C-alpha cells in the first residue's frame, strides 16, 4: 500500500528514533522533526489506521512489519543517495537535504541501478 512522502518521513523518523531511544513517543517525533505535537498526533492516527504503526496504552509507538519495511526502504535510499552525492563533491548538508527529496520520487529501477553500481566502482563520465 502506497503512502505519501509525509508518511514516509514519519516512518523513517520512527525507525531512526527507535535505534536511539528505548521507546518512541509522539513528543519524540515532534521534537526530532520540529513539528507541533498535534500535527504528529494526526499523522500517527493515519499511520495507525493504515496499520503501519501500533501504539500501546502508554503511547509507545512501534513500527508494524509493513511500516518497518517502508521505513527501511526509505532509510536505505536516503543513506545511499546521500553518500553518492557526497562522493560527487556535494557538501554533507546539501547531500542529506537533496537525498531526502529524491528518496521519495526515484523509481525502483533507477534506485536499483544506482545501488548495483556500488561505491567501489567508478562513475561513468
N, C-alpha and C. Protein backbone atom coordinates (compact mmCIF):
# COMPACT_ATOMS: atom_id res chain seq x y z
N UNK A 1 0.84 -1.18 0.00
CA UNK A 1 0.00 0.00 0.00
C UNK A 1 0.89 1.25 0.00
N UNK A 2 0.68 2.09 -0.98
CA UNK A 2 1.50 3.29 -1.12
C UNK A 2 1.12 4.32 -0.05
N UNK A 3 2.12 5.05 0.39
CA UNK A 3 1.89 6.15 1.33
C UNK A 3 2.54 7.40 0.76
N UNK A 4 2.13 8.54 1.26
CA UNK A 4 2.68 9.79 0.74
C UNK A 4 4.04 10.09 1.37
N UNK A 5 4.67 11.13 0.84
CA UNK A 5 6.02 11.50 1.29
C UNK A 5 6.05 11.82 2.77
N UNK A 6 5.04 12.51 3.26
CA UNK A 6 4.98 12.87 4.67
C UNK A 6 4.96 11.61 5.54
N UNK A 7 4.12 10.65 5.17
CA UNK A 7 4.03 9.41 5.93
C UNK A 7 5.36 8.66 5.89
N UNK A 8 6.01 8.66 4.73
CA UNK A 8 7.32 8.00 4.63
C UNK A 8 8.33 8.66 5.55
N UNK A 9 8.29 9.99 5.64
CA UNK A 9 9.21 10.70 6.53
C UNK A 9 8.95 10.34 7.99
N UNK A 10 7.68 10.24 8.36
CA UNK A 10 7.35 9.85 9.74
C UNK A 10 7.86 8.44 10.02
N UNK A 11 7.62 7.51 9.10
CA UNK A 11 8.07 6.13 9.31
C UNK A 11 9.58 6.06 9.43
N UNK A 12 10.28 6.79 8.58
CA UNK A 12 11.75 6.82 8.65
C UNK A 12 12.21 7.40 9.99
N UNK A 13 11.56 8.45 10.45
CA UNK A 13 11.91 9.07 11.72
C UNK A 13 11.68 8.11 12.88
N UNK A 14 10.58 7.37 12.85
CA UNK A 14 10.31 6.38 13.90
C UNK A 14 11.41 5.33 13.90
N UNK A 15 11.81 4.87 12.72
CA UNK A 15 12.88 3.87 12.62
C UNK A 15 14.18 4.40 13.23
N UNK A 16 14.55 5.61 12.87
CA UNK A 16 15.79 6.20 13.37
C UNK A 16 15.72 6.40 14.88
N UNK A 17 14.61 6.94 15.37
CA UNK A 17 14.47 7.16 16.81
C UNK A 17 14.47 5.84 17.59
N UNK A 18 13.87 4.80 17.01
CA UNK A 18 13.81 3.52 17.72
C UNK A 18 15.19 2.90 17.88
N UNK A 19 16.16 3.33 17.05
CA UNK A 19 17.52 2.84 17.22
C UNK A 19 18.29 3.64 18.28
N UNK A 20 17.77 4.83 18.62
CA UNK A 20 18.44 5.70 19.59
C UNK A 20 17.79 5.68 20.97
N UNK A 21 16.49 5.47 21.01
CA UNK A 21 15.73 5.59 22.25
C UNK A 21 15.15 4.25 22.67
N UNK A 22 14.95 4.07 23.97
CA UNK A 22 14.33 2.82 24.43
C UNK A 22 12.88 2.69 23.97
N UNK A 23 12.17 3.82 23.88
CA UNK A 23 10.79 3.84 23.39
C UNK A 23 10.60 5.13 22.57
N UNK A 24 9.67 5.08 21.62
CA UNK A 24 9.38 6.25 20.80
C UNK A 24 7.96 6.71 21.11
N UNK A 25 7.84 8.02 21.37
CA UNK A 25 6.54 8.62 21.63
C UNK A 25 6.32 9.76 20.64
N UNK A 26 5.08 10.22 20.53
CA UNK A 26 4.76 11.32 19.62
C UNK A 26 5.61 12.55 19.91
N UNK A 27 5.84 12.83 21.18
CA UNK A 27 6.63 14.01 21.54
C UNK A 27 8.07 13.89 21.02
N UNK A 28 8.61 12.66 21.00
CA UNK A 28 9.96 12.45 20.47
C UNK A 28 10.00 12.76 18.98
N UNK A 29 8.97 12.33 18.27
CA UNK A 29 8.89 12.59 16.83
C UNK A 29 8.74 14.08 16.58
N UNK A 30 7.87 14.73 17.34
CA UNK A 30 7.67 16.18 17.21
C UNK A 30 8.98 16.93 17.44
N UNK A 31 9.71 16.55 18.48
CA UNK A 31 10.99 17.21 18.77
C UNK A 31 12.01 16.97 17.66
N UNK A 32 12.07 15.76 17.15
CA UNK A 32 13.04 15.42 16.10
C UNK A 32 12.77 16.19 14.81
N UNK A 33 11.49 16.31 14.45
CA UNK A 33 11.13 16.95 13.19
C UNK A 33 10.83 18.44 13.31
N UNK A 34 10.70 18.93 14.55
CA UNK A 34 10.37 20.34 14.76
C UNK A 34 8.92 20.65 14.44
N UNK A 35 8.05 19.65 14.61
CA UNK A 35 6.62 19.83 14.35
C UNK A 35 5.86 19.95 15.66
N UNK A 36 4.63 20.47 15.57
CA UNK A 36 3.75 20.52 16.73
C UNK A 36 3.29 19.10 17.06
N UNK A 37 3.13 18.85 18.36
CA UNK A 37 2.68 17.53 18.79
C UNK A 37 1.32 17.19 18.20
N UNK A 38 0.45 18.20 18.03
CA UNK A 38 -0.88 17.96 17.46
C UNK A 38 -0.78 17.46 16.02
N UNK A 39 0.16 18.00 15.24
CA UNK A 39 0.36 17.55 13.86
C UNK A 39 0.85 16.11 13.83
N UNK A 40 1.76 15.80 14.73
CA UNK A 40 2.30 14.44 14.80
C UNK A 40 1.20 13.46 15.23
N UNK A 41 0.35 13.88 16.14
CA UNK A 41 -0.74 13.01 16.60
C UNK A 41 -1.67 12.64 15.45
N UNK A 42 -1.99 13.61 14.60
CA UNK A 42 -2.84 13.34 13.44
C UNK A 42 -2.15 12.34 12.50
N UNK A 43 -0.87 12.56 12.26
CA UNK A 43 -0.11 11.66 11.39
C UNK A 43 -0.04 10.25 11.97
N UNK A 44 0.14 10.14 13.29
CA UNK A 44 0.21 8.83 13.93
C UNK A 44 -1.13 8.10 13.82
N UNK A 45 -2.21 8.85 13.94
CA UNK A 45 -3.55 8.27 13.78
C UNK A 45 -3.69 7.68 12.38
N UNK A 46 -3.25 8.43 11.37
CA UNK A 46 -3.34 7.94 9.99
C UNK A 46 -2.46 6.72 9.77
N UNK A 47 -1.25 6.73 10.31
CA UNK A 47 -0.37 5.57 10.17
C UNK A 47 -0.92 4.36 10.91
N UNK A 48 -1.54 4.60 12.04
CA UNK A 48 -2.15 3.51 12.81
C UNK A 48 -3.32 2.91 12.02
N UNK A 49 -4.14 3.77 11.41
CA UNK A 49 -5.28 3.29 10.63
C UNK A 49 -4.83 2.48 9.42
N UNK A 50 -3.68 2.83 8.87
CA UNK A 50 -3.14 2.09 7.72
C UNK A 50 -2.32 0.88 8.17
N UNK A 51 -2.26 0.68 9.48
CA UNK A 51 -1.57 -0.46 10.10
C UNK A 51 -0.07 -0.47 9.82
N UNK A 52 0.53 0.73 9.80
CA UNK A 52 1.98 0.85 9.64
C UNK A 52 2.67 1.02 10.99
N UNK A 53 1.89 1.41 12.01
CA UNK A 53 2.42 1.52 13.37
C UNK A 53 1.39 0.95 14.34
N UNK A 54 1.86 0.65 15.53
CA UNK A 54 0.96 0.34 16.63
C UNK A 54 1.34 1.25 17.79
N UNK A 55 0.35 1.60 18.58
CA UNK A 55 0.58 2.47 19.74
C UNK A 55 -0.03 1.76 20.94
N UNK A 56 0.80 1.53 21.96
CA UNK A 56 0.28 0.83 23.14
C UNK A 56 -0.38 1.81 24.11
N UNK A 57 -0.88 1.30 25.20
CA UNK A 57 -1.59 2.11 26.18
C UNK A 57 -0.76 3.21 26.81
N UNK A 58 0.55 3.08 26.78
CA UNK A 58 1.44 4.11 27.32
C UNK A 58 1.84 5.14 26.28
N UNK A 59 1.35 4.97 25.04
CA UNK A 59 1.68 5.91 23.97
C UNK A 59 2.99 5.59 23.26
N UNK A 60 3.51 4.39 23.49
CA UNK A 60 4.75 3.99 22.84
C UNK A 60 4.44 3.52 21.42
N UNK A 61 5.17 4.04 20.46
CA UNK A 61 4.93 3.78 19.04
C UNK A 61 5.91 2.73 18.54
N UNK A 62 5.38 1.74 17.83
CA UNK A 62 6.18 0.67 17.26
C UNK A 62 5.79 0.50 15.80
N UNK A 63 6.79 0.29 14.96
CA UNK A 63 6.51 0.00 13.55
C UNK A 63 5.96 -1.41 13.42
N UNK A 64 4.94 -1.58 12.59
CA UNK A 64 4.46 -2.91 12.24
C UNK A 64 5.39 -3.45 11.15
N UNK A 65 5.27 -4.73 10.79
CA UNK A 65 6.13 -5.24 9.71
C UNK A 65 6.03 -4.41 8.42
N UNK A 66 4.83 -4.00 8.03
CA UNK A 66 4.70 -3.20 6.79
C UNK A 66 5.33 -1.82 6.97
N UNK A 67 5.16 -1.23 8.15
CA UNK A 67 5.75 0.07 8.43
C UNK A 67 7.26 0.00 8.47
N UNK A 68 7.79 -1.04 9.07
CA UNK A 68 9.24 -1.23 9.13
C UNK A 68 9.81 -1.42 7.73
N UNK A 69 9.14 -2.20 6.91
CA UNK A 69 9.61 -2.44 5.54
C UNK A 69 9.71 -1.11 4.77
N UNK A 70 8.69 -0.28 4.87
CA UNK A 70 8.70 1.01 4.18
C UNK A 70 9.79 1.92 4.75
N UNK A 71 9.88 1.97 6.07
CA UNK A 71 10.88 2.83 6.72
C UNK A 71 12.28 2.42 6.33
N UNK A 72 12.56 1.13 6.32
CA UNK A 72 13.90 0.65 5.96
C UNK A 72 14.22 0.94 4.50
N UNK A 73 13.21 0.84 3.62
CA UNK A 73 13.42 1.15 2.21
C UNK A 73 13.78 2.63 2.03
N UNK A 74 13.04 3.51 2.69
CA UNK A 74 13.30 4.94 2.58
C UNK A 74 14.65 5.29 3.20
N UNK A 75 14.96 4.71 4.35
CA UNK A 75 16.23 4.98 5.01
C UNK A 75 17.41 4.51 4.16
N UNK A 76 17.29 3.33 3.55
CA UNK A 76 18.35 2.83 2.68
C UNK A 76 18.55 3.78 1.50
N UNK A 77 17.46 4.22 0.91
CA UNK A 77 17.57 5.16 -0.21
C UNK A 77 18.27 6.44 0.24
N UNK A 78 17.86 6.95 1.40
CA UNK A 78 18.45 8.19 1.91
C UNK A 78 19.96 8.03 2.10
N UNK A 79 20.36 6.96 2.76
CA UNK A 79 21.77 6.74 3.06
C UNK A 79 22.59 6.61 1.78
N UNK A 80 22.11 5.79 0.85
CA UNK A 80 22.87 5.55 -0.36
C UNK A 80 22.93 6.81 -1.24
N UNK A 81 21.79 7.48 -1.43
CA UNK A 81 21.78 8.68 -2.26
C UNK A 81 22.65 9.78 -1.66
N UNK A 82 22.57 9.94 -0.36
CA UNK A 82 23.36 10.94 0.32
C UNK A 82 24.86 10.65 0.14
N UNK A 83 25.26 9.41 0.31
CA UNK A 83 26.68 9.07 0.18
C UNK A 83 27.15 9.25 -1.27
N UNK A 84 26.31 8.95 -2.24
CA UNK A 84 26.67 9.15 -3.64
C UNK A 84 26.87 10.63 -3.93
N UNK A 85 25.97 11.45 -3.44
CA UNK A 85 26.10 12.89 -3.69
C UNK A 85 27.37 13.45 -3.05
N UNK A 86 27.70 12.98 -1.87
CA UNK A 86 28.94 13.41 -1.22
C UNK A 86 30.15 12.98 -2.06
N UNK A 87 30.11 11.75 -2.57
CA UNK A 87 31.21 11.27 -3.44
C UNK A 87 31.36 12.13 -4.68
N UNK A 88 30.26 12.72 -5.13
CA UNK A 88 30.31 13.58 -6.31
C UNK A 88 30.77 14.99 -5.99
N UNK A 89 31.02 15.26 -4.69
CA UNK A 89 31.55 16.56 -4.30
C UNK A 89 30.53 17.49 -3.66
N UNK A 90 29.32 17.00 -3.41
CA UNK A 90 28.29 17.81 -2.76
C UNK A 90 28.56 17.83 -1.26
N UNK A 91 28.30 18.96 -0.61
CA UNK A 91 28.51 19.05 0.84
C UNK A 91 27.57 18.09 1.57
N UNK A 92 27.97 17.69 2.78
CA UNK A 92 27.16 16.76 3.58
C UNK A 92 25.73 17.27 3.77
N UNK A 93 25.60 18.55 4.15
CA UNK A 93 24.27 19.11 4.43
C UNK A 93 23.40 19.12 3.18
N UNK A 94 23.95 19.58 2.07
CA UNK A 94 23.18 19.63 0.83
C UNK A 94 22.85 18.22 0.35
N UNK A 95 23.80 17.31 0.46
CA UNK A 95 23.57 15.92 0.05
C UNK A 95 22.43 15.30 0.85
N UNK A 96 22.42 15.53 2.16
CA UNK A 96 21.36 14.98 3.01
C UNK A 96 20.01 15.58 2.65
N UNK A 97 20.00 16.88 2.42
CA UNK A 97 18.75 17.58 2.06
C UNK A 97 18.22 17.09 0.71
N UNK A 98 19.10 17.00 -0.28
CA UNK A 98 18.68 16.54 -1.60
C UNK A 98 18.26 15.08 -1.59
N UNK A 99 19.00 14.24 -0.85
CA UNK A 99 18.65 12.82 -0.76
C UNK A 99 17.26 12.66 -0.17
N UNK A 100 16.91 13.51 0.78
CA UNK A 100 15.59 13.45 1.41
C UNK A 100 14.48 13.73 0.39
N UNK A 101 14.77 14.57 -0.58
CA UNK A 101 13.78 14.86 -1.63
C UNK A 101 13.74 13.73 -2.66
N UNK A 102 14.91 13.29 -3.09
CA UNK A 102 15.00 12.28 -4.15
C UNK A 102 14.45 10.93 -3.69
N UNK A 103 14.69 10.56 -2.44
CA UNK A 103 14.33 9.23 -1.94
C UNK A 103 12.85 8.90 -2.11
N UNK A 104 12.01 9.92 -2.20
CA UNK A 104 10.57 9.69 -2.30
C UNK A 104 10.07 9.57 -3.74
N UNK A 105 10.87 10.03 -4.69
CA UNK A 105 10.38 10.06 -6.08
C UNK A 105 11.16 9.16 -7.03
N UNK A 106 12.33 8.70 -6.62
CA UNK A 106 13.13 7.87 -7.52
C UNK A 106 12.42 6.53 -7.75
N UNK A 107 12.48 6.07 -8.99
CA UNK A 107 11.85 4.78 -9.31
C UNK A 107 12.65 3.64 -8.71
N UNK A 108 12.01 2.53 -8.53
CA UNK A 108 12.70 1.34 -8.01
C UNK A 108 13.81 0.94 -8.97
N UNK A 109 13.54 1.03 -10.28
CA UNK A 109 14.53 0.66 -11.30
C UNK A 109 15.78 1.53 -11.20
N UNK A 110 15.58 2.84 -11.12
CA UNK A 110 16.73 3.75 -11.04
C UNK A 110 17.50 3.54 -9.75
N UNK A 111 16.79 3.35 -8.64
CA UNK A 111 17.49 3.13 -7.38
C UNK A 111 18.31 1.84 -7.43
N UNK A 112 17.73 0.79 -7.99
CA UNK A 112 18.46 -0.48 -8.08
C UNK A 112 19.70 -0.35 -8.95
N UNK A 113 19.60 0.46 -10.02
CA UNK A 113 20.76 0.68 -10.89
C UNK A 113 21.87 1.39 -10.12
N UNK A 114 21.50 2.40 -9.35
CA UNK A 114 22.49 3.12 -8.54
C UNK A 114 23.08 2.18 -7.49
N UNK A 115 22.22 1.44 -6.84
CA UNK A 115 22.65 0.53 -5.78
C UNK A 115 23.59 -0.55 -6.33
N UNK A 116 23.27 -1.10 -7.50
CA UNK A 116 24.09 -2.17 -8.05
C UNK A 116 25.42 -1.66 -8.60
N UNK A 117 25.50 -0.37 -8.86
CA UNK A 117 26.73 0.22 -9.35
C UNK A 117 27.82 0.09 -8.29
N UNK A 118 27.43 0.21 -7.05
CA UNK A 118 28.35 0.04 -5.92
C UNK A 118 29.32 1.18 -5.77
N UNK A 119 29.68 1.51 -4.54
CA UNK A 119 30.58 2.62 -4.26
C UNK A 119 32.02 2.36 -4.73
N UNK A 120 32.39 1.08 -4.90
CA UNK A 120 33.76 0.80 -5.26
C UNK A 120 34.01 0.97 -6.76
N UNK A 121 32.92 1.04 -7.55
CA UNK A 121 33.08 1.20 -8.99
C UNK A 121 33.10 2.68 -9.36
N UNK A 122 33.95 3.05 -10.29
CA UNK A 122 33.99 4.48 -10.68
C UNK A 122 32.73 4.88 -11.42
N UNK A 123 32.36 6.13 -11.30
CA UNK A 123 31.21 6.66 -12.00
C UNK A 123 31.58 6.88 -13.46
N UNK A 124 30.60 6.68 -14.33
CA UNK A 124 30.83 6.96 -15.76
C UNK A 124 30.88 8.46 -15.96
N UNK A 125 31.72 8.90 -16.90
CA UNK A 125 31.77 10.33 -17.21
C UNK A 125 31.58 10.56 -18.68
